[in-house]
Amino acid sequence: MADPKTPHQLLPKPTRLLTPSEAAGYLSISPRTLTRLTAPGTLPHVRIGGQRRFESEALLAYVARQRDGG
């Protein structure tokens, strides 16, 4: 019989969330430009405790969209 899994074991492994400063550095843009990209929803982010955080996968997807002309 298989071991029962706890809810924690069923969750996907979380991705590391980047701070705005880290995300700006990752994209080689200024933090101000990063803020402008998040305002219209161009660059997805989450808010945790009022602070913006960025998933590295979302940043890579943004770069791919830009490369493809989007």
N, C-alpha and C. Protein backbone atom coordinates (compact mmCIF):
# COMPACT_ATOMS: atom_id res chain seq x y z
N MET A 1 0.84 -1.18 0.00
CA MET A 1 0.00 0.00 0.00
C MET A 1 0.89 1.25 0.00
N ALA A 2 0.54 2.23 -0.78
CA ALA A 2 1.33 3.45 -0.89
C ALA A 2 1.17 4.30 0.37
N ASP A 3 2.22 5.03 0.68
CA ASP A 3 2.16 5.95 1.83
C ASP A 3 1.22 7.10 1.49
N PRO A 4 0.33 7.46 2.43
CA PRO A 4 -0.52 8.62 2.16
C PRO A 4 0.33 9.89 2.14
N LYS A 5 0.01 10.76 1.24
CA LYS A 5 0.76 12.01 1.11
C LYS A 5 0.08 13.11 1.89
N THR A 6 0.88 13.93 2.53
CA THR A 6 0.34 15.08 3.23
C THR A 6 0.08 16.18 2.20
N PRO A 7 -0.78 17.16 2.51
CA PRO A 7 -1.03 18.24 1.55
C PRO A 7 0.26 18.93 1.11
N HIS A 8 1.22 19.07 2.01
CA HIS A 8 2.50 19.72 1.68
C HIS A 8 3.23 18.93 0.59
N GLN A 9 3.16 17.62 0.63
CA GLN A 9 3.86 16.79 -0.35
C GLN A 9 3.18 16.83 -1.72
N LEU A 10 1.92 17.21 -1.77
CA LEU A 10 1.19 17.26 -3.03
C LEU A 10 1.41 18.56 -3.80
N LEU A 11 1.91 19.58 -3.13
CA LEU A 11 2.12 20.88 -3.77
C LEU A 11 3.34 20.83 -4.68
N PRO A 12 3.29 21.52 -5.82
CA PRO A 12 4.49 21.58 -6.67
C PRO A 12 5.58 22.37 -5.95
N LYS A 13 6.81 22.07 -6.31
CA LYS A 13 7.93 22.79 -5.71
C LYS A 13 7.84 24.26 -6.08
N PRO A 14 7.87 25.15 -5.10
CA PRO A 14 7.75 26.58 -5.41
C PRO A 14 9.00 27.10 -6.12
N THR A 15 8.76 28.08 -6.96
CA THR A 15 9.89 28.75 -7.61
C THR A 15 10.36 29.87 -6.70
N ARG A 16 11.61 30.20 -6.81
CA ARG A 16 12.14 31.30 -6.02
C ARG A 16 11.59 32.60 -6.59
N LEU A 17 11.09 33.42 -5.72
CA LEU A 17 10.56 34.71 -6.14
C LEU A 17 11.66 35.75 -6.05
N LEU A 18 11.73 36.60 -7.06
CA LEU A 18 12.76 37.64 -7.11
C LEU A 18 12.20 38.96 -6.64
N THR A 19 13.02 39.73 -5.97
CA THR A 19 12.65 41.08 -5.57
C THR A 19 12.68 41.97 -6.83
N PRO A 20 12.08 43.14 -6.77
CA PRO A 20 12.14 44.04 -7.93
C PRO A 20 13.59 44.35 -8.36
N SER A 21 14.46 44.54 -7.41
CA SER A 21 15.85 44.83 -7.74
C SER A 21 16.51 43.64 -8.44
N GLU A 22 16.23 42.43 -7.95
CA GLU A 22 16.79 41.24 -8.58
C GLU A 22 16.21 41.04 -9.98
N ALA A 23 14.89 41.25 -10.12
CA ALA A 23 14.24 41.08 -11.41
C ALA A 23 14.77 42.10 -12.43
N ALA A 24 14.95 43.33 -11.99
CA ALA A 24 15.50 44.36 -12.89
C ALA A 24 16.91 43.98 -13.33
N GLY A 25 17.71 43.50 -12.41
CA GLY A 25 19.06 43.06 -12.76
C GLY A 25 19.04 41.88 -13.72
N TYR A 26 18.12 40.96 -13.50
CA TYR A 26 17.96 39.78 -14.35
C TYR A 26 17.66 40.19 -15.78
N LEU A 27 16.83 41.23 -15.95
CA LEU A 27 16.44 41.71 -17.27
C LEU A 27 17.38 42.80 -17.81
N SER A 28 18.34 43.21 -17.00
CA SER A 28 19.28 44.28 -17.37
C SER A 28 18.54 45.58 -17.69
N ILE A 29 17.57 45.90 -16.84
CA ILE A 29 16.84 47.16 -16.97
C ILE A 29 16.85 47.84 -15.60
N SER A 30 16.45 49.09 -15.57
CA SER A 30 16.41 49.82 -14.31
C SER A 30 15.18 49.41 -13.51
N PRO A 31 15.23 49.54 -12.19
CA PRO A 31 14.03 49.27 -11.39
C PRO A 31 12.84 50.13 -11.81
N ARG A 32 13.11 51.35 -12.25
CA ARG A 32 12.03 52.23 -12.70
C ARG A 32 11.34 51.67 -13.95
N THR A 33 12.13 51.15 -14.89
CA THR A 33 11.55 50.53 -16.08
C THR A 33 10.75 49.30 -15.70
N LEU A 34 11.24 48.54 -14.75
CA LEU A 34 10.50 47.37 -14.28
C LEU A 34 9.14 47.78 -13.72
N THR A 35 9.11 48.85 -12.96
CA THR A 35 7.85 49.34 -12.41
C THR A 35 6.90 49.75 -13.53
N ARG A 36 7.42 50.41 -14.56
CA ARG A 36 6.56 50.81 -15.69
C ARG A 36 5.99 49.59 -16.42
N LEU A 37 6.75 48.51 -16.48
CA LEU A 37 6.27 47.30 -17.15
C LEU A 37 5.21 46.58 -16.34
N THR A 38 5.26 46.70 -15.03
CA THR A 38 4.28 46.00 -14.19
C THR A 38 2.95 46.76 -14.13
N ALA A 39 2.98 48.06 -14.29
CA ALA A 39 1.77 48.87 -14.16
C ALA A 39 0.67 48.46 -15.13
N PRO A 40 0.96 48.32 -16.44
CA PRO A 40 -0.13 47.94 -17.35
C PRO A 40 -0.36 46.43 -17.41
N GLY A 41 0.36 45.66 -16.60
CA GLY A 41 0.19 44.21 -16.62
C GLY A 41 1.06 43.51 -17.65
N THR A 42 1.99 44.24 -18.24
CA THR A 42 2.88 43.65 -19.23
C THR A 42 3.77 42.59 -18.62
N LEU A 43 4.18 42.82 -17.39
CA LEU A 43 5.07 41.89 -16.69
C LEU A 43 4.36 41.39 -15.44
N PRO A 44 3.94 40.12 -15.43
CA PRO A 44 3.20 39.62 -14.28
C PRO A 44 4.04 39.58 -13.01
N HIS A 45 3.35 39.80 -11.89
CA HIS A 45 4.01 39.74 -10.60
C HIS A 45 2.97 39.38 -9.55
N VAL A 46 3.45 39.05 -8.38
CA VAL A 46 2.56 38.78 -7.25
C VAL A 46 2.91 39.76 -6.14
N ARG A 47 1.94 40.00 -5.29
CA ARG A 47 2.19 40.84 -4.12
C ARG A 47 2.11 39.97 -2.88
N ILE A 48 3.14 40.04 -2.10
CA ILE A 48 3.20 39.30 -0.83
C ILE A 48 3.52 40.32 0.24
N GLY A 49 2.58 40.50 1.15
CA GLY A 49 2.77 41.51 2.20
C GLY A 49 2.96 42.90 1.63
N GLY A 50 2.32 43.19 0.50
CA GLY A 50 2.43 44.51 -0.11
C GLY A 50 3.68 44.69 -0.97
N GLN A 51 4.53 43.70 -1.01
CA GLN A 51 5.77 43.78 -1.78
C GLN A 51 5.62 43.01 -3.09
N ARG A 52 6.09 43.59 -4.18
CA ARG A 52 6.05 42.91 -5.48
C ARG A 52 7.15 41.86 -5.54
N ARG A 53 6.81 40.70 -6.10
CA ARG A 53 7.78 39.63 -6.33
C ARG A 53 7.55 39.08 -7.72
N PHE A 54 8.61 38.59 -8.34
CA PHE A 54 8.57 38.13 -9.72
C PHE A 54 9.08 36.70 -9.81
N GLU A 55 8.37 35.87 -10.57
CA GLU A 55 8.81 34.50 -10.83
C GLU A 55 9.78 34.53 -12.01
N SER A 56 10.87 33.78 -11.89
CA SER A 56 11.86 33.79 -12.97
C SER A 56 11.24 33.28 -14.28
N GLU A 57 10.29 32.33 -14.18
CA GLU A 57 9.63 31.82 -15.38
C GLU A 57 8.85 32.93 -16.10
N ALA A 58 8.23 33.83 -15.33
CA ALA A 58 7.49 34.94 -15.92
C ALA A 58 8.44 35.90 -16.63
N LEU A 59 9.62 36.09 -16.07
CA LEU A 59 10.61 36.96 -16.71
C LEU A 59 11.10 36.35 -18.01
N LEU A 60 11.34 35.03 -18.00
CA LEU A 60 11.78 34.35 -19.22
C LEU A 60 10.69 34.40 -20.29
N ALA A 61 9.43 34.25 -19.89
CA ALA A 61 8.32 34.32 -20.83
C ALA A 61 8.21 35.72 -21.43
N TYR A 62 8.45 36.74 -20.61
CA TYR A 62 8.42 38.12 -21.10
C TYR A 62 9.51 38.32 -22.17
N VAL A 63 10.71 37.83 -21.89
CA VAL A 63 11.81 37.95 -22.85
C VAL A 63 11.45 37.23 -24.15
N ALA A 64 10.87 36.04 -24.03
CA ALA A 64 10.49 35.29 -25.24
C ALA A 64 9.44 36.04 -26.06
N ARG A 65 8.45 36.65 -25.37
CA ARG A 65 7.44 37.43 -26.09
C ARG A 65 8.07 38.62 -26.82
N GLN A 66 9.02 39.27 -26.16
CA GLN A 66 9.68 40.42 -26.78
C GLN A 66 10.50 39.97 -28.00
N ARG A 67 11.15 38.83 -27.88
CA ARG A 67 11.96 38.31 -28.98
C ARG A 67 11.08 37.95 -30.16
N ASP A 68 9.87 37.46 -29.88
CA ASP A 68 8.95 37.06 -30.94
C ASP A 68 8.14 38.23 -31.48
N GLY A 69 8.46 39.44 -31.04
CA GLY A 69 7.80 40.62 -31.56
C GLY A 69 6.56 41.04 -30.81
N GLY A 70 6.38 40.51 -29.60
CA GLY A 70 5.15 40.80 -28.88
C GLY A 70 5.30 41.76 -27.80
